[in-house]
Amino acid sequence: MADDHELVRRGVRGLLRARRGWRVIGEAANGREAVEKASKLKPDIAVVDISMPDLDGLQATRQIRAASPGTQVVVLSMHESDQMVRRVLDAGALGYVLKSDLAANLVKAVKHVSEGKLFLTSKVSDIVVKGFLKNGKQADPPERTEPRPTPRQAEIIRRLAEGKANKVVAADLGISIRTVETHRAKIMQKLGLHSLAELVHYAIRQKIVTLPSSPE
């Protein structure tokens, strides 16, 4: 876990250690240290603050995912904006938790992300949906007919939006990784999407995927 405030690290440490079978194997006070420790320790989950010295949470997330592909990332943030959520998802994180919701949602976020599932708190989900509606109204001409994915494409969209890697999608559907990559490229081109964040937004708006915002 990485945060430049000792009190926050202490709180996160306490929440995670209270879970049976969970261990905190490393802590960092800045983004660069977080990348170095993740590269060395290869944790299952990295909990990363968005605002840190040396490297911010976005840069750290990208570098952690590159250095340790098996490590999934949950980002902690004070920012309640659709733009920031987009940037975090594009950086490769699967979880976004507001610090104001930390005590109630951190354990849920880590549990879901450890299962390869996307996790946004209910408040963040609302921000994403509102941002989609606002951006969609501004960007789409009134009479535009949006392309529709085929059933197979919808299945791939759902799995990708849930944060599953190409090889996992391939195994789920009994197809090759190359076929998944080809489908993904065609889907992005067909729907006019340019990033994972936009794909997640599309999946939410079309009700292809439901975000696990407040699981029990």
Protein backbone atom coordinates (compact mmCIF):
# COMPACT_ATOMS: atom_id res chain seq x y z
CA MET A 1 0.00 0.00 0.00
CA ALA A 2 1.20 3.51 -0.76
CA ASP A 3 0.25 6.89 0.71
CA ASP A 4 2.40 9.82 1.79
CA HIS A 5 0.45 10.25 5.03
CA GLU A 6 1.34 7.91 7.90
CA LEU A 7 -2.14 8.19 9.44
CA VAL A 8 -3.78 7.04 6.21
CA ARG A 9 -1.35 4.13 5.89
CA ARG A 10 -2.06 3.17 9.48
CA GLY A 11 -5.80 3.19 8.83
CA VAL A 12 -5.50 1.15 5.64
CA ARG A 13 -3.15 -1.28 7.35
CA GLY A 14 -5.63 -1.81 10.18
CA LEU A 15 -8.56 -2.41 7.84
CA LEU A 16 -6.67 -4.95 5.74
CA ARG A 17 -4.96 -6.80 8.58
CA ALA A 18 -8.32 -7.31 10.28
CA ARG A 19 -9.30 -9.65 7.45
CA ARG A 20 -8.41 -13.27 8.10
CA GLY A 21 -5.75 -14.55 5.73
CA TRP A 22 -4.79 -11.12 4.39
CA ARG A 23 -1.28 -9.71 4.85
CA VAL A 24 0.21 -6.29 4.22
CA ILE A 25 3.65 -7.13 2.83
CA GLY A 26 4.91 -3.65 2.04
CA GLU A 27 4.30 0.07 2.48
CA ALA A 28 5.49 3.12 0.58
CA ALA A 29 5.41 6.87 1.22
CA ASN A 30 5.66 7.96 -2.42
CA GLY A 31 4.90 6.71 -5.91
CA ARG A 32 8.44 5.77 -6.87
CA GLU A 33 8.88 3.69 -3.73
CA ALA A 34 5.51 2.03 -4.43
CA VAL A 35 6.68 0.93 -7.89
CA GLU A 36 9.99 -0.36 -6.54
CA LYS A 37 8.33 -2.40 -3.78
CA ALA A 38 5.61 -3.77 -6.06
CA SER A 39 8.27 -4.82 -8.58
CA LYS A 40 10.17 -6.65 -5.86
CA LEU A 41 7.37 -8.08 -3.70
CA LYS A 42 4.78 -8.83 -6.45
CA PRO A 43 1.69 -8.31 -4.24
CA ASP A 44 -1.72 -9.53 -5.35
CA ILE A 45 -3.18 -6.07 -4.72
CA ALA A 46 -1.60 -2.62 -4.49
CA VAL A 47 -3.59 0.10 -2.73
CA VAL A 48 -2.32 3.40 -4.10
CA ASP A 49 -3.16 7.00 -3.25
CA ILE A 50 -3.79 9.23 -6.26
CA SER A 51 -1.81 12.18 -4.85
CA MET A 52 1.77 11.32 -3.91
CA PRO A 53 5.21 12.89 -4.36
CA ASP A 54 7.80 11.70 -6.92
CA LEU A 55 5.22 9.76 -8.93
CA ASP A 56 1.49 10.38 -8.60
CA GLY A 57 -0.98 7.51 -8.33
CA LEU A 58 -1.68 7.42 -12.06
CA GLN A 59 1.99 7.13 -13.01
CA ALA A 60 2.61 4.64 -10.22
CA THR A 61 -0.35 2.50 -11.34
CA ARG A 62 0.91 2.32 -14.91
CA GLN A 63 4.40 1.37 -13.80
CA ILE A 64 3.19 -1.17 -11.24
CA ARG A 65 1.00 -2.88 -13.84
CA ALA A 66 3.94 -2.95 -16.28
CA ALA A 67 6.46 -4.23 -13.72
CA SER A 68 4.12 -6.73 -12.05
CA PRO A 69 1.21 -7.71 -14.36
CA GLY A 70 -0.20 -10.02 -11.71
CA THR A 71 -0.71 -7.11 -9.32
CA GLN A 72 -4.10 -5.43 -9.49
CA VAL A 73 -4.47 -1.85 -8.26
CA VAL A 74 -7.04 -0.10 -6.07
CA VAL A 75 -6.73 3.68 -6.17
CA LEU A 76 -7.68 5.92 -3.24
CA SER A 77 -8.77 9.43 -4.15
CA MET A 78 -10.41 12.58 -2.83
CA HIS A 79 -11.50 13.56 -6.37
CA GLU A 80 -15.18 13.17 -7.20
CA SER A 81 -14.97 13.67 -10.96
CA ASP A 82 -15.79 11.53 -13.96
CA GLN A 83 -12.60 12.71 -15.66
CA MET A 84 -10.44 11.38 -12.82
CA VAL A 85 -12.25 8.03 -12.83
CA ARG A 86 -11.57 7.76 -16.57
CA ARG A 87 -7.88 8.49 -16.06
CA VAL A 88 -7.59 5.94 -13.27
CA LEU A 89 -9.24 3.19 -15.34
CA ASP A 90 -7.07 4.04 -18.33
CA ALA A 91 -3.99 3.76 -16.11
CA GLY A 92 -4.93 0.13 -15.44
CA ALA A 93 -6.54 0.22 -11.98
CA LEU A 94 -9.58 -1.96 -11.28
CA GLY A 95 -10.76 -0.21 -8.11
CA TYR A 96 -11.56 3.43 -7.30
CA VAL A 97 -12.42 4.29 -3.68
CA LEU A 98 -13.06 7.78 -2.35
CA LYS A 99 -11.18 8.49 0.85
CA SER A 100 -14.43 9.68 2.38
CA ASP A 101 -15.75 6.13 1.90
CA LEU A 102 -12.53 4.36 2.89
CA ALA A 103 -13.69 2.57 6.04
CA ALA A 104 -16.90 1.33 4.44
CA ASN A 105 -15.54 0.24 1.07
CA LEU A 106 -11.82 -0.56 1.09
CA VAL A 107 -12.19 -4.21 2.11
CA LYS A 108 -14.99 -4.71 -0.44
CA ALA A 109 -12.84 -3.12 -3.13
CA VAL A 110 -9.82 -5.31 -2.40
CA LYS A 111 -11.98 -8.44 -2.32
CA HIS A 112 -13.59 -7.71 -5.68
CA VAL A 113 -10.40 -6.60 -7.39
CA SER A 114 -8.62 -9.73 -6.12
CA GLU A 115 -11.25 -11.70 -8.07
CA GLY A 116 -10.49 -9.70 -11.22
CA LYS A 117 -13.67 -7.63 -10.96
CA LEU A 118 -14.04 -3.89 -11.43
CA PHE A 119 -15.02 -2.02 -8.25
CA LEU A 120 -16.42 1.49 -7.99
CA THR A 121 -18.25 2.68 -4.88
CA SER A 122 -21.90 3.67 -5.30
CA LYS A 123 -20.98 7.35 -5.21
CA VAL A 124 -18.31 6.90 -7.88
CA SER A 125 -20.69 4.82 -10.02
CA ASP A 126 -23.18 7.71 -9.92
CA ILE A 127 -20.41 10.11 -10.97
CA VAL A 128 -19.49 7.84 -13.90
CA VAL A 129 -23.09 7.47 -15.09
CA LYS A 130 -23.80 11.21 -14.81
CA GLY A 131 -20.60 11.96 -16.68
CA PHE A 132 -21.64 9.55 -19.42
CA LEU A 133 -25.05 11.08 -19.76
CA LYS A 134 -23.62 14.60 -19.86
CA ASN A 135 -20.86 13.77 -22.34
CA GLY A 136 -23.18 11.69 -24.47
CA LYS A 137 -25.70 14.52 -24.81
CA GLN A 138 -22.96 16.94 -25.77
CA ALA A 139 -21.24 14.64 -28.23
CA ASP A 140 -24.04 12.78 -30.02
CA PRO A 141 -26.12 14.37 -32.81
CA PRO A 142 -29.88 14.13 -32.07
CA GLU A 143 -30.60 11.68 -34.89
CA ARG A 144 -27.48 9.57 -34.64
CA THR A 145 -28.07 5.81 -34.54
CA GLU A 146 -25.48 4.15 -32.33
CA PRO A 147 -23.95 0.91 -33.67
CA ARG A 148 -24.95 -2.18 -31.73
CA PRO A 149 -22.53 -4.96 -30.82
CA THR A 150 -23.28 -8.54 -31.81
CA PRO A 151 -24.11 -11.00 -28.98
CA ARG A 152 -20.53 -12.32 -29.11
CA GLN A 153 -19.13 -8.78 -29.00
CA ALA A 154 -21.41 -7.94 -26.06
CA GLU A 155 -20.02 -10.95 -24.16
CA ILE A 156 -16.47 -9.76 -24.81
CA ILE A 157 -17.36 -6.18 -23.83
CA ARG A 158 -18.84 -7.41 -20.56
CA ARG A 159 -15.76 -9.39 -19.63
CA LEU A 160 -13.35 -6.62 -20.61
CA ALA A 161 -15.40 -4.04 -18.69
CA GLU A 162 -15.21 -6.30 -15.63
CA GLY A 163 -11.43 -5.97 -15.85
CA LYS A 164 -10.62 -9.42 -17.21
CA ALA A 165 -7.39 -9.80 -19.17
CA ASN A 166 -7.46 -10.96 -22.81
CA LYS A 167 -6.17 -14.42 -21.87
CA VAL A 168 -8.92 -14.83 -19.26
CA VAL A 169 -11.60 -13.77 -21.77
CA ALA A 170 -10.14 -16.25 -24.25
CA ALA A 171 -10.30 -19.08 -21.69
CA ASP A 172 -13.88 -18.14 -20.69
CA LEU A 173 -15.11 -18.20 -24.28
CA GLY A 174 -12.96 -21.05 -25.59
CA ILE A 175 -11.22 -18.94 -28.23
CA SER A 176 -7.63 -17.86 -28.82
CA ILE A 177 -6.06 -14.75 -27.32
CA ARG A 178 -5.45 -13.45 -30.86
CA THR A 179 -9.17 -13.81 -31.61
CA VAL A 180 -10.01 -11.81 -28.48
CA GLU A 181 -7.54 -9.12 -29.50
CA THR A 182 -9.09 -8.96 -32.98
CA HIS A 183 -12.61 -8.75 -31.53
CA ARG A 184 -11.49 -6.03 -29.12
CA ALA A 185 -9.98 -3.92 -31.89
CA LYS A 186 -13.10 -4.30 -34.06
CA ILE A 187 -15.37 -3.44 -31.12
CA MET A 188 -13.44 -0.28 -30.30
CA GLN A 189 -13.48 0.79 -33.95
CA LYS A 190 -17.15 -0.07 -34.46
CA LEU A 191 -18.30 1.83 -31.36
CA GLY A 192 -15.87 4.72 -31.74
CA LEU A 193 -14.15 4.00 -28.42
CA HIS A 194 -10.53 4.81 -27.67
CA SER A 195 -9.79 3.53 -24.17
CA LEU A 196 -10.77 1.04 -21.49
CA ALA A 197 -12.53 3.82 -19.57
CA GLU A 198 -14.74 4.57 -22.58
CA LEU A 199 -15.47 0.86 -22.98
CA VAL A 200 -16.50 0.62 -19.31
CA HIS A 201 -18.69 3.70 -19.70
CA TYR A 202 -20.34 2.22 -22.78
CA ALA A 203 -20.97 -1.08 -20.99
CA ILE A 204 -22.61 0.73 -18.06
CA ARG A 205 -24.79 2.92 -20.28
CA GLN A 206 -25.95 -0.06 -22.35
CA LYS A 207 -26.51 -2.15 -19.20
CA ILE A 208 -24.07 -4.78 -20.49
CA VAL A 209 -22.33 -4.77 -17.12
CA THR A 210 -23.51 -3.85 -13.63
CA LEU A 211 -20.86 -2.47 -11.32
CA PRO A 212 -20.60 -4.16 -7.88
CA SER A 213 -20.73 -0.85 -6.04
CA SER A 214 -21.99 -1.95 -2.63
CA PRO A 215 -21.73 -5.72 -2.25
CA GLU A 216 -22.29 -7.45 1.04
